[in-house]
Amino acid sequence: MFLKIDADEHPEVSKRFGVAGIPDARVLETDGTEVARFIGFKDASEVLGILRAARGGRRASGSGR
């Protein structure tokens, strides 16, 4: 499931997850455990790589450009 949260309308969510800049995307387990994140704009191949790594059980992250 993908959710888009407006950081200006929901600052409490940004604070909870330590969002320092936008865009900031997180992949969470059902219990809320973070398994991947990417900050900054990514092209499709970068996003797919991060998501595949997360699905494979490896901690994945991508920094901004």
PDB file of N, CA and C in Angstrom:
ATOM      1  N   MET A   1       0.844  -1.156   0.000  1.00  0.00           N
ATOM      2  CA  MET A   1       0.000   0.000   0.000  1.00  0.00           C
ATOM      3  C   MET A   1       0.900   1.233   0.000  1.00  0.00           C
ATOM      4  N   PHE A   2       0.563   2.182  -0.821  1.00  0.00           N
ATOM      5  CA  PHE A   2       1.295   3.441  -0.869  1.00  0.00           C
ATOM      6  C   PHE A   2       0.432   4.538  -0.269  1.00  0.00           C
ATOM      7  N   LEU A   3       1.033   5.366   0.535  1.00  0.00           N
ATOM      8  CA  LEU A   3       0.349   6.514   1.117  1.00  0.00           C
ATOM      9  C   LEU A   3       1.149   7.766   0.798  1.00  0.00           C
ATOM     10  N   LYS A   4       0.440   8.822   0.499  1.00  0.00           N
ATOM     11  CA  LYS A   4       1.081  10.122   0.304  1.00  0.00           C
ATOM     12  C   LYS A   4       0.573  11.025   1.419  1.00  0.00           C
ATOM     13  N   ILE A   5       1.495  11.572   2.173  1.00  0.00           N
ATOM     14  CA  ILE A   5       1.124  12.419   3.302  1.00  0.00           C
ATOM     15  C   ILE A   5       1.691  13.811   3.070  1.00  0.00           C
ATOM     16  N   ASP A   6       0.833  14.801   3.145  1.00  0.00           N
ATOM     17  CA  ASP A   6       1.241  16.196   2.990  1.00  0.00           C
ATOM     18  C   ASP A   6       1.905  16.644   4.292  1.00  0.00           C
ATOM     19  N   ALA A   7       3.202  16.902   4.230  1.00  0.00           N
ATOM     20  CA  ALA A   7       3.968  17.267   5.422  1.00  0.00           C
ATOM     21  C   ALA A   7       3.471  18.564   6.057  1.00  0.00           C
ATOM     22  N   ASP A   8       2.947  19.476   5.258  1.00  0.00           N
ATOM     23  CA  ASP A   8       2.429  20.732   5.805  1.00  0.00           C
ATOM     24  C   ASP A   8       1.124  20.518   6.557  1.00  0.00           C
ATOM     25  N   GLU A   9       0.296  19.597   6.073  1.00  0.00           N
ATOM     26  CA  GLU A   9      -0.988  19.329   6.725  1.00  0.00           C
ATOM     27  C   GLU A   9      -0.859  18.378   7.910  1.00  0.00           C
ATOM     28  N   HIS A  10       0.207  17.576   7.937  1.00  0.00           N
ATOM     29  CA  HIS A  10       0.383  16.574   8.996  1.00  0.00           C
ATOM     30  C   HIS A  10       1.803  16.624   9.555  1.00  0.00           C
ATOM     31  N   PRO A  11       2.180  17.739  10.188  1.00  0.00           N
ATOM     32  CA  PRO A  11       3.550  17.866  10.698  1.00  0.00           C
ATOM     33  C   PRO A  11       3.895  16.826  11.760  1.00  0.00           C
ATOM     34  N   GLU A  12       2.895  16.287  12.445  1.00  0.00           N
ATOM     35  CA  GLU A  12       3.161  15.276  13.465  1.00  0.00           C
ATOM     36  C   GLU A  12       3.734  13.997  12.852  1.00  0.00           C
ATOM     37  N   VAL A  13       3.317  13.675  11.638  1.00  0.00           N
ATOM     38  CA  VAL A  13       3.849  12.491  10.951  1.00  0.00           C
ATOM     39  C   VAL A  13       5.299  12.745  10.544  1.00  0.00           C
ATOM     40  N   SER A  14       5.569  13.934  10.036  1.00  0.00           N
ATOM     41  CA  SER A  14       6.942  14.297   9.671  1.00  0.00           C
ATOM     42  C   SER A  14       7.859  14.227  10.888  1.00  0.00           C
ATOM     43  N   LYS A  15       7.380  14.726  12.002  1.00  0.00           N
ATOM     44  CA  LYS A  15       8.174  14.707  13.228  1.00  0.00           C
ATOM     45  C   LYS A  15       8.414  13.276  13.695  1.00  0.00           C
ATOM     46  N   ARG A  16       7.388  12.453  13.664  1.00  0.00           N
ATOM     47  CA  ARG A  16       7.500  11.058  14.114  1.00  0.00           C
ATOM     48  C   ARG A  16       8.586  10.310  13.342  1.00  0.00           C
ATOM     49  N   PHE A  17       8.669  10.555  12.030  1.00  0.00           N
ATOM     50  CA  PHE A  17       9.613   9.828  11.190  1.00  0.00           C
ATOM     51  C   PHE A  17      10.902  10.604  10.923  1.00  0.00           C
ATOM     52  N   GLY A  18      11.040  11.781  11.523  1.00  0.00           N
ATOM     53  CA  GLY A  18      12.278  12.545  11.374  1.00  0.00           C
ATOM     54  C   GLY A  18      12.516  13.060   9.967  1.00  0.00           C
ATOM     55  N   VAL A  19      11.444  13.457   9.300  1.00  0.00           N
ATOM     56  CA  VAL A  19      11.566  13.968   7.935  1.00  0.00           C
ATOM     57  C   VAL A  19      12.229  15.341   7.978  1.00  0.00           C
ATOM     58  N   ALA A  20      13.353  15.456   7.274  1.00  0.00           N
ATOM     59  CA  ALA A  20      14.082  16.721   7.252  1.00  0.00           C
ATOM     60  C   ALA A  20      13.925  17.448   5.929  1.00  0.00           C
ATOM     61  N   GLY A  21      13.540  16.734   4.886  1.00  0.00           N
ATOM     62  CA  GLY A  21      13.377  17.328   3.568  1.00  0.00           C
ATOM     63  C   GLY A  21      12.364  16.548   2.755  1.00  0.00           C
ATOM     64  N   ILE A  22      11.931  17.152   1.689  1.00  0.00           N
ATOM     65  CA  ILE A  22      10.904  16.547   0.843  1.00  0.00           C
ATOM     66  C   ILE A  22      11.453  16.477  -0.571  1.00  0.00           C
ATOM     67  N   PRO A  23      11.257  15.420  -1.315  1.00  0.00           N
ATOM     68  CA  PRO A  23      10.492  14.222  -0.962  1.00  0.00           C
ATOM     69  C   PRO A  23      11.288  13.261  -0.075  1.00  0.00           C
ATOM     70  N   ASP A  24      10.551  12.553   0.762  1.00  0.00           N
ATOM     71  CA  ASP A  24      11.105  11.566   1.676  1.00  0.00           C
ATOM     72  C   ASP A  24      10.149  10.381   1.642  1.00  0.00           C
ATOM     73  N   ALA A  25      10.631   9.243   1.184  1.00  0.00           N
ATOM     74  CA  ALA A  25       9.775   8.057   1.067  1.00  0.00           C
ATOM     75  C   ALA A  25      10.308   6.956   1.969  1.00  0.00           C
ATOM     76  N   ARG A  26       9.403   6.252   2.614  1.00  0.00           N
ATOM     77  CA  ARG A  26       9.763   5.165   3.526  1.00  0.00           C
ATOM     78  C   ARG A  26       9.005   3.909   3.129  1.00  0.00           C
ATOM     79  N   VAL A  27       9.648   2.779   3.345  1.00  0.00           N
ATOM     80  CA  VAL A  27       8.997   1.479   3.187  1.00  0.00           C
ATOM     81  C   VAL A  27       8.967   0.875   4.583  1.00  0.00           C
ATOM     82  N   LEU A  28       7.763   0.549   5.049  1.00  0.00           N
ATOM     83  CA  LEU A  28       7.585   0.042   6.403  1.00  0.00           C
ATOM     84  C   LEU A  28       6.999  -1.362   6.393  1.00  0.00           C
ATOM     85  N   GLU A  29       7.372  -2.157   7.394  1.00  0.00           N
ATOM     86  CA  GLU A  29       6.714  -3.436   7.640  1.00  0.00           C
ATOM     87  C   GLU A  29       5.353  -3.131   8.259  1.00  0.00           C
ATOM     88  N   THR A  30       4.505  -4.146   8.379  1.00  0.00           N
ATOM     89  CA  THR A  30       3.176  -3.932   8.953  1.00  0.00           C
ATOM     90  C   THR A  30       3.251  -3.483  10.405  1.00  0.00           C
ATOM     91  N   ASP A  31       4.349  -3.792  11.102  1.00  0.00           N
ATOM     92  CA  ASP A  31       4.497  -3.363  12.494  1.00  0.00           C
ATOM     93  C   ASP A  31       5.111  -1.966  12.619  1.00  0.00           C
ATOM     94  N   GLY A  32       5.390  -1.322  11.475  1.00  0.00           N
ATOM     95  CA  GLY A  32       5.949   0.023  11.476  1.00  0.00           C
ATOM     96  C   GLY A  32       7.460   0.083  11.394  1.00  0.00           C
ATOM     97  N   THR A  33       8.123  -1.073  11.352  1.00  0.00           N
ATOM     98  CA  THR A  33       9.575  -1.107  11.230  1.00  0.00           C
ATOM     99  C   THR A  33       9.995  -0.626   9.844  1.00  0.00           C
ATOM    100  N   GLU A  34      10.901   0.332   9.808  1.00  0.00           N
ATOM    101  CA  GLU A  34      11.383   0.858   8.528  1.00  0.00           C
ATOM    102  C   GLU A  34      12.364  -0.126   7.900  1.00  0.00           C
ATOM    103  N   VAL A  35      12.120  -0.480   6.637  1.00  0.00           N
ATOM    104  CA  VAL A  35      13.019  -1.390   5.923  1.00  0.00           C
ATOM    105  C   VAL A  35      13.728  -0.702   4.763  1.00  0.00           C
ATOM    106  N   ALA A  36      13.264   0.470   4.385  1.00  0.00           N
ATOM    107  CA  ALA A  36      13.920   1.217   3.310  1.00  0.00           C
ATOM    108  C   ALA A  36      13.471   2.666   3.365  1.00  0.00           C
ATOM    109  N   ARG A  37      14.329   3.519   2.816  1.00  0.00           N
ATOM    110  CA  ARG A  37      13.959   4.929   2.673  1.00  0.00           C
ATOM    111  C   ARG A  37      14.700   5.498   1.479  1.00  0.00           C
ATOM    112  N   PHE A  38      14.100   6.493   0.888  1.00  0.00           N
ATOM    113  CA  PHE A  38      14.824   7.262  -0.111  1.00  0.00           C
ATOM    114  C   PHE A  38      14.405   8.707  -0.005  1.00  0.00           C
ATOM    115  N   ILE A  39      15.417   9.549  -0.036  1.00  0.00           N
ATOM    116  CA  ILE A  39      15.231  10.979   0.145  1.00  0.00           C
ATOM    117  C   ILE A  39      15.718  11.668  -1.117  1.00  0.00           C
ATOM    118  N   GLY A  40      14.927  12.589  -1.607  1.00  0.00           N
ATOM    119  CA  GLY A  40      15.269  13.273  -2.846  1.00  0.00           C
ATOM    120  C   GLY A  40      14.624  12.583  -4.031  1.00  0.00           C
ATOM    121  N   PHE A  41      14.716  13.230  -5.166  1.00  0.00           N
ATOM    122  CA  PHE A  41      14.102  12.685  -6.369  1.00  0.00           C
ATOM    123  C   PHE A  41      14.936  11.535  -6.906  1.00  0.00           C
ATOM    124  N   LYS A  42      14.262  10.472  -7.305  1.00  0.00           N
ATOM    125  CA  LYS A  42      14.899   9.280  -7.869  1.00  0.00           C
ATOM    126  C   LYS A  42      14.245   8.964  -9.200  1.00  0.00           C
ATOM    127  N   ASP A  43      15.028   8.386 -10.104  1.00  0.00           N
ATOM    128  CA  ASP A  43      14.400   7.913 -11.331  1.00  0.00           C
ATOM    129  C   ASP A  43      13.810   6.526 -11.062  1.00  0.00           C
ATOM    130  N   ALA A  44      13.038   6.028 -12.004  1.00  0.00           N
ATOM    131  CA  ALA A  44      12.303   4.773 -11.810  1.00  0.00           C
ATOM    132  C   ALA A  44      13.229   3.610 -11.483  1.00  0.00           C
ATOM    133  N   SER A  45      14.371   3.519 -12.146  1.00  0.00           N
ATOM    134  CA  SER A  45      15.269   2.389 -11.892  1.00  0.00           C
ATOM    135  C   SER A  45      15.853   2.445 -10.478  1.00  0.00           C
ATOM    136  N   GLU A  46      16.129   3.636  -9.972  1.00  0.00           N
ATOM    137  CA  GLU A  46      16.633   3.767  -8.600  1.00  0.00           C
ATOM    138  C   GLU A  46      15.573   3.335  -7.592  1.00  0.00           C
ATOM    139  N   VAL A  47      14.338   3.779  -7.799  1.00  0.00           N
ATOM    140  CA  VAL A  47      13.251   3.406  -6.891  1.00  0.00           C
ATOM    141  C   VAL A  47      13.041   1.896  -6.916  1.00  0.00           C
ATOM    142  N   LEU A  48      13.014   1.302  -8.098  1.00  0.00           N
ATOM    143  CA  LEU A  48      12.832  -0.148  -8.190  1.00  0.00           C
ATOM    144  C   LEU A  48      13.949  -0.896  -7.478  1.00  0.00           C
ATOM    145  N   GLY A  49      15.178  -0.442  -7.609  1.00  0.00           N
ATOM    146  CA  GLY A  49      16.293  -1.083  -6.922  1.00  0.00           C
ATOM    147  C   GLY A  49      16.137  -1.046  -5.411  1.00  0.00           C
ATOM    148  N   ILE A  50      15.731   0.098  -4.887  1.00  0.00           N
ATOM    149  CA  ILE A  50      15.522   0.244  -3.447  1.00  0.00           C
ATOM    150  C   ILE A  50      14.387  -0.664  -2.986  1.00  0.00           C
ATOM    151  N   LEU A  51      13.284  -0.694  -3.734  1.00  0.00           N
ATOM    152  CA  LEU A  51      12.149  -1.538  -3.358  1.00  0.00           C
ATOM    153  C   LEU A  51      12.492  -3.017  -3.446  1.00  0.00           C
ATOM    154  N   ARG A  52      13.242  -3.409  -4.461  1.00  0.00           N
ATOM    155  CA  ARG A  52      13.651  -4.821  -4.579  1.00  0.00           C
ATOM    156  C   ARG A  52      14.554  -5.224  -3.420  1.00  0.00           C
ATOM    157  N   ALA A  53      15.476  -4.353  -3.041  1.00  0.00           N
ATOM    158  CA  ALA A  53      16.351  -4.646  -1.910  1.00  0.00           C
ATOM    159  C   ALA A  53      15.537  -4.800  -0.629  1.00  0.00           C
ATOM    160  N   ALA A  54      14.540  -3.937  -0.443  1.00  0.00           N
ATOM    161  CA  ALA A  54      13.690  -4.015   0.745  1.00  0.00           C
ATOM    162  C   ALA A  54      12.889  -5.309   0.750  1.00  0.00           C
ATOM    163  N   ARG A  55      12.384  -5.686  -0.398  1.00  0.00           N
ATOM    164  CA  ARG A  55      11.601  -6.921  -0.503  1.00  0.00           C
ATOM    165  C   ARG A  55      12.477  -8.135  -0.211  1.00  0.00           C
ATOM    166  N   GLY A  56      13.742  -8.048  -0.582  1.00  0.00           N
ATOM    167  CA  GLY A  56      14.671  -9.144  -0.355  1.00  0.00           C
ATOM    168  C   GLY A  56      15.190  -9.226   1.070  1.00  0.00           C
ATOM    169  N   GLY A  57      14.742  -8.330   1.934  1.00  0.00           N
ATOM    170  CA  GLY A  57      15.131  -8.381   3.329  1.00  0.00           C
ATOM    171  C   GLY A  57      16.393  -7.616   3.669  1.00  0.00           C
ATOM    172  N   ARG A  58      16.950  -6.903   2.726  1.00  0.00           N
ATOM    173  CA  ARG A  58      18.148  -6.101   2.994  1.00  0.00           C
ATOM    174  C   ARG A  58      17.727  -4.668   3.301  1.00  0.00           C
ATOM    175  N   ARG A  59      18.410  -4.045   4.209  1.00  0.00           N
ATOM    176  CA  ARG A  59      18.164  -2.631   4.514  1.00  0.00           C
ATOM    177  C   ARG A  59      18.578  -1.817   3.301  1.00  0.00           C
ATOM    178  N   ALA A  60      17.697  -0.986   2.836  1.00  0.00           N
ATOM    179  CA  ALA A  60      17.978  -0.214   1.622  1.00  0.00           C
ATOM    180  C   ALA A  60      17.754   1.261   1.891  1.00  0.00           C
ATOM    181  N   SER A  61      18.594   2.078   1.276  1.00  0.00           N
ATOM    182  CA  SER A  61      18.389   3.521   1.377  1.00  0.00           C
ATOM    183  C   SER A  61      19.010   4.195   0.171  1.00  0.00           C
ATOM    184  N   GLY A  62      18.533   5.374  -0.079  1.00  0.00           N
ATOM    185  CA  GLY A  62      19.076   6.189  -1.165  1.00  0.00           C
ATOM    186  C   GLY A  62      19.106   7.623  -0.710  1.00  0.00           C
ATOM    187  N   SER A  63      20.192   8.290  -0.941  1.00  0.00           N
ATOM    188  CA  SER A  63      20.299   9.690  -0.529  1.00  0.00           C
ATOM    189  C   SER A  63      19.856  10.591  -1.665  1.00  0.00           C
ATOM    190  N   GLY A  64      19.661  11.842  -1.355  1.00  0.00           N
ATOM    191  CA  GLY A  64      19.262  12.808  -2.373  1.00  0.00           C
ATOM    192  C   GLY A  64      20.379  13.056  -3.366  1.00  0.00           C
ATOM    193  N   ARG A  65      20.013  13.604  -4.516  1.00  0.00           N
ATOM    194  CA  ARG A  65      21.020  13.935  -5.536  1.00  0.00           C
ATOM    195  C   ARG A  65      21.617  15.281  -5.265  1.00  0.00           C
TER     196      ARG A  65
END
